[in-house]
Each structure stands twice: as structure tokens, then as C-alpha cells.
Amino acid sequence: MGSELLRIAEGFSIVAEGLRGLAKAEGGSAKDKSVKEQKQDAAKAQPEKTEVQQENPATLEGIRALMAQKTQEGKSKEIKELLQKYGAAKLSAVKPEDYPALMQEAQVL
């Protein structure tokens, strides 16, 4: 197992070096950016994320992806409450005709 961990660490090292090269090619590194610039970059990325969510159709897979994202954002309790609202303990128990409304409500969490 030790050799596998070393190979994984080596892979991460290669990826990190590649990312450093890309950052230099773009005219600087993340260390060169101020905290304010990094926050602005993150804020610019947020609307794109919302647009992607809205493009997902109200399918089981689309709702599952959205709910997984909301769970990662720490909204597990709200997700469970939302599922209960639709009479289900888990997503697979939600009726397909409720998918569009569930998707819309999950997006605003």
C-alpha cells in the first residue's frame, strides 16, 4: 500500500507542477494575486454555476446532481425537508410529475 500512496503523491506533484506552469503562462501565479482579486474571480464564477443549474432539465439525474451540490453546500436538512414535502424519504420515491417543481425549489435553497 505504501508504494501506491507514493505513486498517488507523485501524480499530485505532476499535476501541481503543470498547474504552476499554466499560471506562469497566464502572467503570474495565484500567489501574485491579492485576496481581493481571488474573491472577485470566485464571485464571477458563481453566476456561471447558477446558469448551469438552470440548464439541467428536471430529470432524476439533474435533480440528483443539484441536490448533491446543495448537500455539499451544507443544506442537507433543507433537502430532506424538501423531499418530505413531496411525500418521499428519498429522491427515487418522488413522483416524476413533481420533478419540475422540486427542481425549482431546490435551486433556490
PDB file of N, CA and C in Angstrom:
ATOM      1  N   MET A   1       0.820  -1.192   0.000  1.00  0.00           N
ATOM      2  CA  MET A   1       0.000   0.000   0.000  1.00  0.00           C
ATOM      3  C   MET A   1       0.866   1.259   0.000  1.00  0.00           C
ATOM      4  N   GLY A   2       2.011   1.183   0.625  1.00  0.00           N
ATOM      5  CA  GLY A   2       2.898   2.338   0.681  1.00  0.00           C
ATOM      6  C   GLY A   2       3.343   2.795  -0.692  1.00  0.00           C
ATOM      7  N   SER A   3       3.626   1.826  -1.575  1.00  0.00           N
ATOM      8  CA  SER A   3       4.071   2.202  -2.923  1.00  0.00           C
ATOM      9  C   SER A   3       2.929   2.844  -3.706  1.00  0.00           C
ATOM     10  N   GLU A   4       1.693   2.403  -3.470  1.00  0.00           N
ATOM     11  CA  GLU A   4       0.548   3.006  -4.151  1.00  0.00           C
ATOM     12  C   GLU A   4       0.372   4.457  -3.714  1.00  0.00           C
ATOM     13  N   LEU A   5       0.543   4.701  -2.425  1.00  0.00           N
ATOM     14  CA  LEU A   5       0.431   6.065  -1.916  1.00  0.00           C
ATOM     15  C   LEU A   5       1.513   6.960  -2.493  1.00  0.00           C
ATOM     16  N   LEU A   6       2.706   6.421  -2.647  1.00  0.00           N
ATOM     17  CA  LEU A   6       3.792   7.194  -3.241  1.00  0.00           C
ATOM     18  C   LEU A   6       3.483   7.532  -4.697  1.00  0.00           C
ATOM     19  N   ARG A   7       2.893   6.591  -5.438  1.00  0.00           N
ATOM     20  CA  ARG A   7       2.527   6.863  -6.829  1.00  0.00           C
ATOM     21  C   ARG A   7       1.441   7.942  -6.904  1.00  0.00           C
ATOM     22  N   ILE A   8       0.487   7.886  -5.983  1.00  0.00           N
ATOM     23  CA  ILE A   8      -0.568   8.903  -5.951  1.00  0.00           C
ATOM     24  C   ILE A   8       0.041  10.263  -5.651  1.00  0.00           C
ATOM     25  N   ALA A   9       0.936  10.310  -4.664  1.00  0.00           N
ATOM     26  CA  ALA A   9       1.586  11.571  -4.312  1.00  0.00           C
ATOM     27  C   ALA A   9       2.397  12.104  -5.483  1.00  0.00           C
ATOM     28  N   GLU A  10       3.063  11.222  -6.200  1.00  0.00           N
ATOM     29  CA  GLU A  10       3.835  11.644  -7.358  1.00  0.00           C
ATOM     30  C   GLU A  10       2.916  12.215  -8.431  1.00  0.00           C
ATOM     31  N   GLY A  11       1.748  11.602  -8.608  1.00  0.00           N
ATOM     32  CA  GLY A  11       0.776  12.104  -9.575  1.00  0.00           C
ATOM     33  C   GLY A  11       0.304  13.499  -9.214  1.00  0.00           C
ATOM     34  N   PHE A  12       0.028  13.711  -7.930  1.00  0.00           N
ATOM     35  CA  PHE A  12      -0.379  15.036  -7.478  1.00  0.00           C
ATOM     36  C   PHE A  12       0.721  16.058  -7.714  1.00  0.00           C
ATOM     37  N   SER A  13       1.945  15.643  -7.503  1.00  0.00           N
ATOM     38  CA  SER A  13       3.079  16.532  -7.717  1.00  0.00           C
ATOM     39  C   SER A  13       3.176  16.943  -9.187  1.00  0.00           C
ATOM     40  N   ILE A  14       2.941  15.997 -10.080  1.00  0.00           N
ATOM     41  CA  ILE A  14       2.991  16.284 -11.517  1.00  0.00           C
ATOM     42  C   ILE A  14       1.879  17.257 -11.899  1.00  0.00           C
ATOM     43  N   VAL A  15       0.680  17.006 -11.363  1.00  0.00           N
ATOM     44  CA  VAL A  15      -0.452  17.896 -11.646  1.00  0.00           C
ATOM     45  C   VAL A  15      -0.164  19.299 -11.120  1.00  0.00           C
ATOM     46  N   ALA A  16       0.357  19.389  -9.908  1.00  0.00           N
ATOM     47  CA  ALA A  16       0.659  20.697  -9.321  1.00  0.00           C
ATOM     48  C   ALA A  16       1.687  21.444 -10.160  1.00  0.00           C
ATOM     49  N   GLU A  17       2.690  20.745 -10.638  1.00  0.00           N
ATOM     50  CA  GLU A  17       3.712  21.380 -11.462  1.00  0.00           C
ATOM     51  C   GLU A  17       3.107  21.880 -12.769  1.00  0.00           C
ATOM     52  N   GLY A  18       2.202  21.092 -13.350  1.00  0.00           N
ATOM     53  CA  GLY A  18       1.534  21.522 -14.570  1.00  0.00           C
ATOM     54  C   GLY A  18       0.692  22.767 -14.344  1.00  0.00           C
ATOM     55  N   LEU A  19       0.007  22.811 -13.229  1.00  0.00           N
ATOM     56  CA  LEU A  19      -0.807  23.988 -12.902  1.00  0.00           C
ATOM     57  C   LEU A  19       0.064  25.219 -12.675  1.00  0.00           C
ATOM     58  N   ARG A  20       1.207  25.031 -12.056  1.00  0.00           N
ATOM     59  CA  ARG A  20       2.134  26.161 -11.862  1.00  0.00           C
ATOM     60  C   ARG A  20       2.589  26.698 -13.227  1.00  0.00           C
ATOM     61  N   GLY A  21       2.860  25.784 -14.139  1.00  0.00           N
ATOM     62  CA  GLY A  21       3.275  26.193 -15.479  1.00  0.00           C
ATOM     63  C   GLY A  21       2.178  26.984 -16.190  1.00  0.00           C
ATOM     64  N   LEU A  22       0.941  26.540 -16.050  1.00  0.00           N
ATOM     65  CA  LEU A  22      -0.178  27.264 -16.652  1.00  0.00           C
ATOM     66  C   LEU A  22      -0.338  28.649 -16.032  1.00  0.00           C
ATOM     67  N   ALA A  23      -0.181  28.725 -14.729  1.00  0.00           N
ATOM     68  CA  ALA A  23      -0.321  30.014 -14.052  1.00  0.00           C
ATOM     69  C   ALA A  23       0.761  30.982 -14.520  1.00  0.00           C
ATOM     70  N   LYS A  24       1.966  30.485 -14.681  1.00  0.00           N
ATOM     71  CA  LYS A  24       3.046  31.344 -15.160  1.00  0.00           C
ATOM     72  C   LYS A  24       2.792  31.793 -16.589  1.00  0.00           C
ATOM     73  N   ALA A  25       2.245  30.892 -17.405  1.00  0.00           N
ATOM     74  CA  ALA A  25       1.962  31.230 -18.797  1.00  0.00           C
ATOM     75  C   ALA A  25       0.884  32.310 -18.903  1.00  0.00           C
ATOM     76  N   GLU A  26       0.015  32.378 -17.914  1.00  0.00           N
ATOM     77  CA  GLU A  26      -1.041  33.390 -17.899  1.00  0.00           C
ATOM     78  C   GLU A  26      -0.553  34.714 -17.321  1.00  0.00           C
ATOM     79  N   GLY A  27       0.686  34.765 -16.950  1.00  0.00           N
ATOM     80  CA  GLY A  27       1.248  36.032 -16.489  1.00  0.00           C
ATOM     81  C   GLY A  27       1.379  36.168 -14.987  1.00  0.00           C
ATOM     82  N   GLY A  28       1.377  35.112 -14.270  1.00  0.00           N
ATOM     83  CA  GLY A  28       1.557  35.197 -12.828  1.00  0.00           C
ATOM     84  C   GLY A  28       1.059  33.930 -12.171  1.00  0.00           C
ATOM     85  N   SER A  29       1.184  33.905 -10.867  1.00  0.00           N
ATOM     86  CA  SER A  29       0.704  32.746 -10.130  1.00  0.00           C
ATOM     87  C   SER A  29      -0.382  33.184  -9.168  1.00  0.00           C
ATOM     88  N   ALA A  30      -1.039  32.225  -8.578  1.00  0.00           N
ATOM     89  CA  ALA A  30      -2.100  32.527  -7.615  1.00  0.00           C
ATOM     90  C   ALA A  30      -1.528  33.302  -6.431  1.00  0.00           C
ATOM     91  N   LYS A  31      -0.257  33.072  -6.127  1.00  0.00           N
ATOM     92  CA  LYS A  31       0.375  33.790  -5.022  1.00  0.00           C
ATOM     93  C   LYS A  31       0.487  35.282  -5.327  1.00  0.00           C
ATOM     94  N   ASP A  32       0.602  35.632  -6.617  1.00  0.00           N
ATOM     95  CA  ASP A  32       0.747  37.024  -7.017  1.00  0.00           C
ATOM     96  C   ASP A  32      -0.555  37.800  -6.925  1.00  0.00           C
ATOM     97  N   LYS A  33      -1.686  37.094  -6.968  1.00  0.00           N
ATOM     98  CA  LYS A  33      -2.976  37.770  -6.896  1.00  0.00           C
ATOM     99  C   LYS A  33      -3.276  38.167  -5.455  1.00  0.00           C
ATOM    100  N   SER A  34      -3.900  39.300  -5.317  1.00  0.00           N
ATOM    101  CA  SER A  34      -4.312  39.711  -3.984  1.00  0.00           C
ATOM    102  C   SER A  34      -5.541  38.908  -3.588  1.00  0.00           C
ATOM    103  N   VAL A  35      -5.834  38.903  -2.317  1.00  0.00           N
ATOM    104  CA  VAL A  35      -7.010  38.204  -1.812  1.00  0.00           C
ATOM    105  C   VAL A  35      -8.266  38.789  -2.446  1.00  0.00           C
ATOM    106  N   LYS A  36      -8.285  40.093  -2.631  1.00  0.00           N
ATOM    107  CA  LYS A  36      -9.439  40.760  -3.236  1.00  0.00           C
ATOM    108  C   LYS A  36      -9.655  40.252  -4.656  1.00  0.00           C
ATOM    109  N   GLU A  37      -8.578  40.123  -5.435  1.00  0.00           N
ATOM    110  CA  GLU A  37      -8.698  39.637  -6.795  1.00  0.00           C
ATOM    111  C   GLU A  37      -9.200  38.194  -6.826  1.00  0.00           C
ATOM    112  N   GLN A  38      -8.732  37.379  -5.874  1.00  0.00           N
ATOM    113  CA  GLN A  38      -9.169  35.992  -5.819  1.00  0.00           C
ATOM    114  C   GLN A  38     -10.656  35.910  -5.496  1.00  0.00           C
ATOM    115  N   LYS A  39     -11.141  36.767  -4.593  1.00  0.00           N
ATOM    116  CA  LYS A  39     -12.562  36.779  -4.248  1.00  0.00           C
ATOM    117  C   LYS A  39     -13.394  37.250  -5.430  1.00  0.00           C
ATOM    118  N   GLN A  40     -12.873  38.226  -6.191  1.00  0.00           N
ATOM    119  CA  GLN A  40     -13.593  38.708  -7.368  1.00  0.00           C
ATOM    120  C   GLN A  40     -13.698  37.599  -8.405  1.00  0.00           C
ATOM    121  N   ASP A  41     -12.621  36.847  -8.588  1.00  0.00           N
ATOM    122  CA  ASP A  41     -12.645  35.737  -9.526  1.00  0.00           C
ATOM    123  C   ASP A  41     -13.673  34.696  -9.098  1.00  0.00           C
ATOM    124  N   ALA A  42     -13.734  34.413  -7.806  1.00  0.00           N
ATOM    125  CA  ALA A  42     -14.701  33.444  -7.294  1.00  0.00           C
ATOM    126  C   ALA A  42     -16.125  33.953  -7.479  1.00  0.00           C
ATOM    127  N   ALA A  43     -16.329  35.246  -7.270  1.00  0.00           N
ATOM    128  CA  ALA A  43     -17.669  35.828  -7.429  1.00  0.00           C
ATOM    129  C   ALA A  43     -18.111  35.767  -8.890  1.00  0.00           C
ATOM    130  N   LYS A  44     -17.172  35.941  -9.801  1.00  0.00           N
ATOM    131  CA  LYS A  44     -17.501  35.859 -11.227  1.00  0.00           C
ATOM    132  C   LYS A  44     -17.902  34.441 -11.608  1.00  0.00           C
ATOM    133  N   ALA A  45     -17.322  33.455 -10.954  1.00  0.00           N
ATOM    134  CA  ALA A  45     -17.609  32.059 -11.267  1.00  0.00           C
ATOM    135  C   ALA A  45     -18.982  31.633 -10.755  1.00  0.00           C
ATOM    136  N   GLN A  46     -19.496  32.237  -9.707  1.00  0.00           N
ATOM    137  CA  GLN A  46     -20.769  31.839  -9.118  1.00  0.00           C
ATOM    138  C   GLN A  46     -21.943  31.953 -10.088  1.00  0.00           C
ATOM    139  N   PRO A  47     -22.144  33.051 -10.794  1.00  0.00           N
ATOM    140  CA  PRO A  47     -23.291  33.121 -11.700  1.00  0.00           C
ATOM    141  C   PRO A  47     -23.267  32.034 -12.767  1.00  0.00           C
ATOM    142  N   GLU A  48     -22.087  31.668 -13.224  1.00  0.00           N
ATOM    143  CA  GLU A  48     -21.984  30.611 -14.217  1.00  0.00           C
ATOM    144  C   GLU A  48     -22.512  29.308 -13.653  1.00  0.00           C
ATOM    145  N   LYS A  49     -22.242  29.055 -12.388  1.00  0.00           N
ATOM    146  CA  LYS A  49     -22.698  27.843 -11.731  1.00  0.00           C
ATOM    147  C   LYS A  49     -24.217  27.815 -11.686  1.00  0.00           C
ATOM    148  N   THR A  50     -24.830  28.943 -11.377  1.00  0.00           N
ATOM    149  CA  THR A  50     -26.278  29.028 -11.322  1.00  0.00           C
ATOM    150  C   THR A  50     -26.877  28.792 -12.700  1.00  0.00           C
ATOM    151  N   GLU A  51     -26.252  29.349 -13.727  1.00  0.00           N
ATOM    152  CA  GLU A  51     -26.745  29.155 -15.085  1.00  0.00           C
ATOM    153  C   GLU A  51     -26.704  27.686 -15.470  1.00  0.00           C
ATOM    154  N   VAL A  52     -25.670  26.988 -15.060  1.00  0.00           N
ATOM    155  CA  VAL A  52     -25.560  25.570 -15.372  1.00  0.00           C
ATOM    156  C   VAL A  52     -26.691  24.813 -14.700  1.00  0.00           C
ATOM    157  N   GLN A  53     -27.012  25.169 -13.461  1.00  0.00           N
ATOM    158  CA  GLN A  53     -28.094  24.513 -12.739  1.00  0.00           C
ATOM    159  C   GLN A  53     -29.408  24.698 -13.488  1.00  0.00           C
ATOM    160  N   GLN A  54     -29.661  25.875 -13.992  1.00  0.00           N
ATOM    161  CA  GLN A  54     -30.913  26.157 -14.654  1.00  0.00           C
ATOM    162  C   GLN A  54     -31.009  25.439 -15.995  1.00  0.00           C
ATOM    163  N   GLU A  55     -29.879  25.113 -16.597  1.00  0.00           N
ATOM    164  CA  GLU A  55     -29.891  24.416 -17.868  1.00  0.00           C
ATOM    165  C   GLU A  55     -30.215  22.939 -17.693  1.00  0.00           C
ATOM    166  N   ASN A  56     -29.949  22.374 -16.493  1.00  0.00           N
ATOM    167  CA  ASN A  56     -30.246  20.972 -16.256  1.00  0.00           C
ATOM    168  C   ASN A  56     -31.747  20.748 -16.360  1.00  0.00           C
ATOM    169  N   PRO A  57     -32.168  19.776 -17.156  1.00  0.00           N
ATOM    170  CA  PRO A  57     -33.591  19.506 -17.228  1.00  0.00           C
ATOM    171  C   PRO A  57     -34.068  18.867 -15.926  1.00  0.00           C
ATOM    172  N   ALA A  58     -35.370  18.918 -15.703  1.00  0.00           N
ATOM    173  CA  ALA A  58     -35.934  18.367 -14.480  1.00  0.00           C
ATOM    174  C   ALA A  58     -36.039  16.855 -14.617  1.00  0.00           C
ATOM    175  N   THR A  59     -34.881  16.211 -14.671  1.00  0.00           N
ATOM    176  CA  THR A  59     -34.813  14.753 -14.728  1.00  0.00           C
ATOM    177  C   THR A  59     -34.284  14.264 -13.398  1.00  0.00           C
ATOM    178  N   LEU A  60     -34.420  12.987 -13.160  1.00  0.00           N
ATOM    179  CA  LEU A  60     -33.920  12.409 -11.924  1.00  0.00           C
ATOM    180  C   LEU A  60     -32.422  12.693 -11.773  1.00  0.00           C
ATOM    181  N   GLU A  61     -31.680  12.555 -12.865  1.00  0.00           N
ATOM    182  CA  GLU A  61     -30.233  12.778 -12.811  1.00  0.00           C
ATOM    183  C   GLU A  61     -29.914  14.245 -12.547  1.00  0.00           C
ATOM    184  N   GLY A  62     -30.668  15.145 -13.193  1.00  0.00           N
ATOM    185  CA  GLY A  62     -30.438  16.574 -12.985  1.00  0.00           C
ATOM    186  C   GLY A  62     -30.742  16.997 -11.559  1.00  0.00           C
ATOM    187  N   ILE A  63     -31.836  16.478 -11.017  1.00  0.00           N
ATOM    188  CA  ILE A  63     -32.205  16.806  -9.637  1.00  0.00           C
ATOM    189  C   ILE A  63     -31.194  16.209  -8.675  1.00  0.00           C
ATOM    190  N   ARG A  64     -30.766  14.987  -8.959  1.00  0.00           N
ATOM    191  CA  ARG A  64     -29.777  14.333  -8.091  1.00  0.00           C
ATOM    192  C   ARG A  64     -28.480  15.153  -8.047  1.00  0.00           C
ATOM    193  N   ALA A  65     -28.044  15.647  -9.193  1.00  0.00           N
ATOM    194  CA  ALA A  65     -26.819  16.452  -9.248  1.00  0.00           C
ATOM    195  C   ALA A  65     -26.991  17.752  -8.468  1.00  0.00           C
ATOM    196  N   LEU A  66     -28.144  18.390  -8.629  1.00  0.00           N
ATOM    197  CA  LEU A  66     -28.408  19.633  -7.915  1.00  0.00           C
ATOM    198  C   LEU A  66     -28.447  19.405  -6.414  1.00  0.00           C
ATOM    199  N   MET A  67     -29.107  18.337  -5.999  1.00  0.00           N
ATOM    200  CA  MET A  67     -29.211  18.044  -4.566  1.00  0.00           C
ATOM    201  C   MET A  67     -27.857  17.651  -3.977  1.00  0.00           C
ATOM    202  N   ALA A  68     -27.040  16.987  -4.756  1.00  0.00           N
ATOM    203  CA  ALA A  68     -25.691  16.648  -4.289  1.00  0.00           C
ATOM    204  C   ALA A  68     -24.887  17.926  -4.056  1.00  0.00           C
ATOM    205  N   GLN A  69     -25.044  18.874  -4.964  1.00  0.00           N
ATOM    206  CA  GLN A  69     -24.347  20.156  -4.814  1.00  0.00           C
ATOM    207  C   GLN A  69     -24.836  20.887  -3.563  1.00  0.00           C
ATOM    208  N   LYS A  70     -26.153  20.912  -3.368  1.00  0.00           N
ATOM    209  CA  LYS A  70     -26.717  21.600  -2.207  1.00  0.00           C
ATOM    210  C   LYS A  70     -26.292  20.915  -0.913  1.00  0.00           C
ATOM    211  N   THR A  71     -26.175  19.596  -0.943  1.00  0.00           N
ATOM    212  CA  THR A  71     -25.705  18.862   0.227  1.00  0.00           C
ATOM    213  C   THR A  71     -24.266  19.249   0.549  1.00  0.00           C
ATOM    214  N   GLN A  72     -23.443  19.392  -0.488  1.00  0.00           N
ATOM    215  CA  GLN A  72     -22.053  19.803  -0.281  1.00  0.00           C
ATOM    216  C   GLN A  72     -21.970  21.218   0.269  1.00  0.00           C
ATOM    217  N   GLU A  73     -22.974  22.028  -0.024  1.00  0.00           N
ATOM    218  CA  GLU A  73     -23.027  23.395   0.494  1.00  0.00           C
ATOM    219  C   GLU A  73     -23.560  23.429   1.925  1.00  0.00           C
ATOM    220  N   GLY A  74     -23.857  22.255   2.491  1.00  0.00           N
ATOM    221  CA  GLY A  74     -24.302  22.180   3.875  1.00  0.00           C
ATOM    222  C   GLY A  74     -25.808  22.324   4.048  1.00  0.00           C
ATOM    223  N   LYS A  75     -26.562  21.976   3.038  1.00  0.00           N
ATOM    224  CA  LYS A  75     -28.016  22.156   3.100  1.00  0.00           C
ATOM    225  C   LYS A  75     -28.745  20.818   3.137  1.00  0.00           C
ATOM    226  N   SER A  76     -28.159  19.835   3.802  1.00  0.00           N
ATOM    227  CA  SER A  76     -28.756  18.503   3.881  1.00  0.00           C
ATOM    228  C   SER A  76     -30.124  18.536   4.542  1.00  0.00           C
ATOM    229  N   LYS A  77     -30.233  19.285   5.613  1.00  0.00           N
ATOM    230  CA  LYS A  77     -31.505  19.364   6.345  1.00  0.00           C
ATOM    231  C   LYS A  77     -32.603  19.919   5.442  1.00  0.00           C
ATOM    232  N   GLU A  78     -32.303  20.977   4.691  1.00  0.00           N
ATOM    233  CA  GLU A  78     -33.278  21.581   3.796  1.00  0.00           C
ATOM    234  C   GLU A  78     -33.688  20.617   2.681  1.00  0.00           C
ATOM    235  N   ILE A  79     -32.731  19.831   2.202  1.00  0.00           N
ATOM    236  CA  ILE A  79     -33.015  18.847   1.155  1.00  0.00           C
ATOM    237  C   ILE A  79     -33.977  17.788   1.692  1.00  0.00           C
ATOM    238  N   LYS A  80     -33.718  17.298   2.913  1.00  0.00           N
ATOM    239  CA  LYS A  80     -34.600  16.289   3.500  1.00  0.00           C
ATOM    240  C   LYS A  80     -36.004  16.841   3.693  1.00  0.00           C
ATOM    241  N   GLU A  81     -36.094  18.087   4.159  1.00  0.00           N
ATOM    242  CA  GLU A  81     -37.401  18.711   4.348  1.00  0.00           C
ATOM    243  C   GLU A  81     -38.137  18.859   3.016  1.00  0.00           C
ATOM    244  N   LEU A  82     -37.400  19.203   1.977  1.00  0.00           N
ATOM    245  CA  LEU A  82     -37.998  19.367   0.659  1.00  0.00           C
ATOM    246  C   LEU A  82     -38.531  18.032   0.137  1.00  0.00           C
ATOM    247  N   LEU A  83     -37.764  16.967   0.324  1.00  0.00           N
ATOM    248  CA  LEU A  83     -38.220  15.651  -0.100  1.00  0.00           C
ATOM    249  C   LEU A  83     -39.478  15.243   0.662  1.00  0.00           C
ATOM    250  N   GLN A  84     -39.501  15.527   1.970  1.00  0.00           N
ATOM    251  CA  GLN A  84     -40.674  15.199   2.775  1.00  0.00           C
ATOM    252  C   GLN A  84     -41.898  15.967   2.291  1.00  0.00           C
ATOM    253  N   LYS A  85     -41.691  17.180   1.843  1.00  0.00           N
ATOM    254  CA  LYS A  85     -42.790  17.983   1.321  1.00  0.00           C
ATOM    255  C   LYS A  85     -43.468  17.268   0.148  1.00  0.00           C
ATOM    256  N   TYR A  86     -42.681  16.536  -0.621  1.00  0.00           N
ATOM    257  CA  TYR A  86     -43.211  15.797  -1.760  1.00  0.00           C
ATOM    258  C   TYR A  86     -43.544  14.348  -1.391  1.00  0.00           C
ATOM    259  N   GLY A  87     -43.634  14.056  -0.101  1.00  0.00           N
ATOM    260  CA  GLY A  87     -44.052  12.743   0.376  1.00  0.00           C
ATOM    261  C   GLY A  87     -43.050  11.640   0.118  1.00  0.00           C
ATOM    262  N   ALA A  88     -41.777  11.973   0.147  1.00  0.00           N
ATOM    263  CA  ALA A  88     -40.749  10.974  -0.140  1.00  0.00           C
ATOM    264  C   ALA A  88     -39.645  11.043   0.897  1.00  0.00           C
ATOM    265  N   ALA A  89     -39.086   9.896   1.233  1.00  0.00           N
ATOM    266  CA  ALA A  89     -37.946   9.838   2.142  1.00  0.00           C
ATOM    267  C   ALA A  89     -36.632   9.946   1.372  1.00  0.00           C
ATOM    268  N   LYS A  90     -36.690   9.599   0.088  1.00  0.00           N
ATOM    269  CA  LYS A  90     -35.503   9.707  -0.761  1.00  0.00           C
ATOM    270  C   LYS A  90     -35.934  10.127  -2.161  1.00  0.00           C
ATOM    271  N   LEU A  91     -34.993  10.596  -2.929  1.00  0.00           N
ATOM    272  CA  LEU A  91     -35.288  11.167  -4.242  1.00  0.00           C
ATOM    273  C   LEU A  91     -35.971  10.175  -5.166  1.00  0.00           C
ATOM    274  N   SER A  92     -35.573   8.932  -5.128  1.00  0.00           N
ATOM    275  CA  SER A  92     -36.159   7.947  -6.038  1.00  0.00           C
ATOM    276  C   SER A  92     -37.647   7.708  -5.770  1.00  0.00           C
ATOM    277  N   ALA A  93     -38.143   8.139  -4.609  1.00  0.00           N
ATOM    278  CA  ALA A  93     -39.559   7.964  -4.275  1.00  0.00           C
ATOM    279  C   ALA A  93     -40.426   9.148  -4.720  1.00  0.00           C
ATOM    280  N   VAL A  94     -39.809  10.210  -5.243  1.00  0.00           N
ATOM    281  CA  VAL A  94     -40.560  11.370  -5.714  1.00  0.00           C
ATOM    282  C   VAL A  94     -41.225  11.017  -7.045  1.00  0.00           C
ATOM    283  N   LYS A  95     -42.457  11.442  -7.221  1.00  0.00           N
ATOM    284  CA  LYS A  95     -43.188  11.188  -8.466  1.00  0.00           C
ATOM    285  C   LYS A  95     -42.570  12.022  -9.601  1.00  0.00           C
ATOM    286  N   PRO A  96     -42.422  11.429 -10.773  1.00  0.00           N
ATOM    287  CA  PRO A  96     -41.833  12.161 -11.904  1.00  0.00           C
ATOM    288  C   PRO A  96     -42.564  13.461 -12.256  1.00  0.00           C
ATOM    289  N   GLU A  97     -43.876  13.511 -12.055  1.00  0.00           N
ATOM    290  CA  GLU A  97     -44.603  14.748 -12.365  1.00  0.00           C
ATOM    291  C   GLU A  97     -44.252  15.881 -11.398  1.00  0.00           C
ATOM    292  N   ASP A  98     -43.624  15.540 -10.260  1.00  0.00           N
ATOM    293  CA  ASP A  98     -43.210  16.559  -9.291  1.00  0.00           C
ATOM    294  C   ASP A  98     -41.787  17.065  -9.547  1.00  0.00           C
ATOM    295  N   TYR A  99     -41.066  16.446 -10.490  1.00  0.00           N
ATOM    296  CA  TYR A  99     -39.680  16.825 -10.746  1.00  0.00           C
ATOM    297  C   TYR A  99     -39.483  18.313 -11.057  1.00  0.00           C
ATOM    298  N   PRO A 100     -40.272  18.909 -11.969  1.00  0.00           N
ATOM    299  CA  PRO A 100     -40.026  20.329 -12.277  1.00  0.00           C
ATOM    300  C   PRO A 100     -40.172  21.243 -11.056  1.00  0.00           C
ATOM    301  N   ALA A 101     -41.209  21.025 -10.249  1.00  0.00           N
ATOM    302  CA  ALA A 101     -41.414  21.861  -9.066  1.00  0.00           C
ATOM    303  C   ALA A 101     -40.318  21.620  -8.033  1.00  0.00           C
ATOM    304  N   LEU A 102     -39.938  20.360  -7.854  1.00  0.00           N
ATOM    305  CA  LEU A 102     -38.874  20.026  -6.908  1.00  0.00           C
ATOM    306  C   LEU A 102     -37.561  20.662  -7.341  1.00  0.00           C
ATOM    307  N   MET A 103     -37.267  20.594  -8.620  1.00  0.00           N
ATOM    308  CA  MET A 103     -36.035  21.183  -9.156  1.00  0.00           C
ATOM    309  C   MET A 103     -36.015  22.693  -8.899  1.00  0.00           C
ATOM    310  N   GLN A 104     -37.140  23.335  -9.155  1.00  0.00           N
ATOM    311  CA  GLN A 104     -37.211  24.775  -8.971  1.00  0.00           C
ATOM    312  C   GLN A 104     -37.015  25.165  -7.505  1.00  0.00           C
ATOM    313  N   GLU A 105     -37.634  24.428  -6.606  1.00  0.00           N
ATOM    314  CA  GLU A 105     -37.496  24.730  -5.178  1.00  0.00           C
ATOM    315  C   GLU A 105     -36.083  24.434  -4.687  1.00  0.00           C
ATOM    316  N   ALA A 106     -35.470  23.390  -5.194  1.00  0.00           N
ATOM    317  CA  ALA A 106     -34.110  23.021  -4.776  1.00  0.00           C
ATOM    318  C   ALA A 106     -33.108  24.079  -5.233  1.00  0.00           C
ATOM    319  N   GLN A 107     -33.359  24.698  -6.383  1.00  0.00           N
ATOM    320  CA  GLN A 107     -32.430  25.709  -6.900  1.00  0.00           C
ATOM    321  C   GLN A 107     -32.363  26.945  -6.004  1.00  0.00           C
ATOM    322  N   VAL A 108     -33.453  27.268  -5.327  1.00  0.00           N
ATOM    323  CA  VAL A 108     -33.453  28.479  -4.509  1.00  0.00           C
ATOM    324  C   VAL A 108     -32.935  28.242  -3.094  1.00  0.00           C
ATOM    325  N   LEU A 109     -32.618  26.985  -2.754  1.00  0.00           N
ATOM    326  CA  LEU A 109     -32.080  26.706  -1.420  1.00  0.00           C
ATOM    327  C   LEU A 109     -30.729  27.355  -1.230  1.00  0.00           C
TER     328      LEU A 109
END
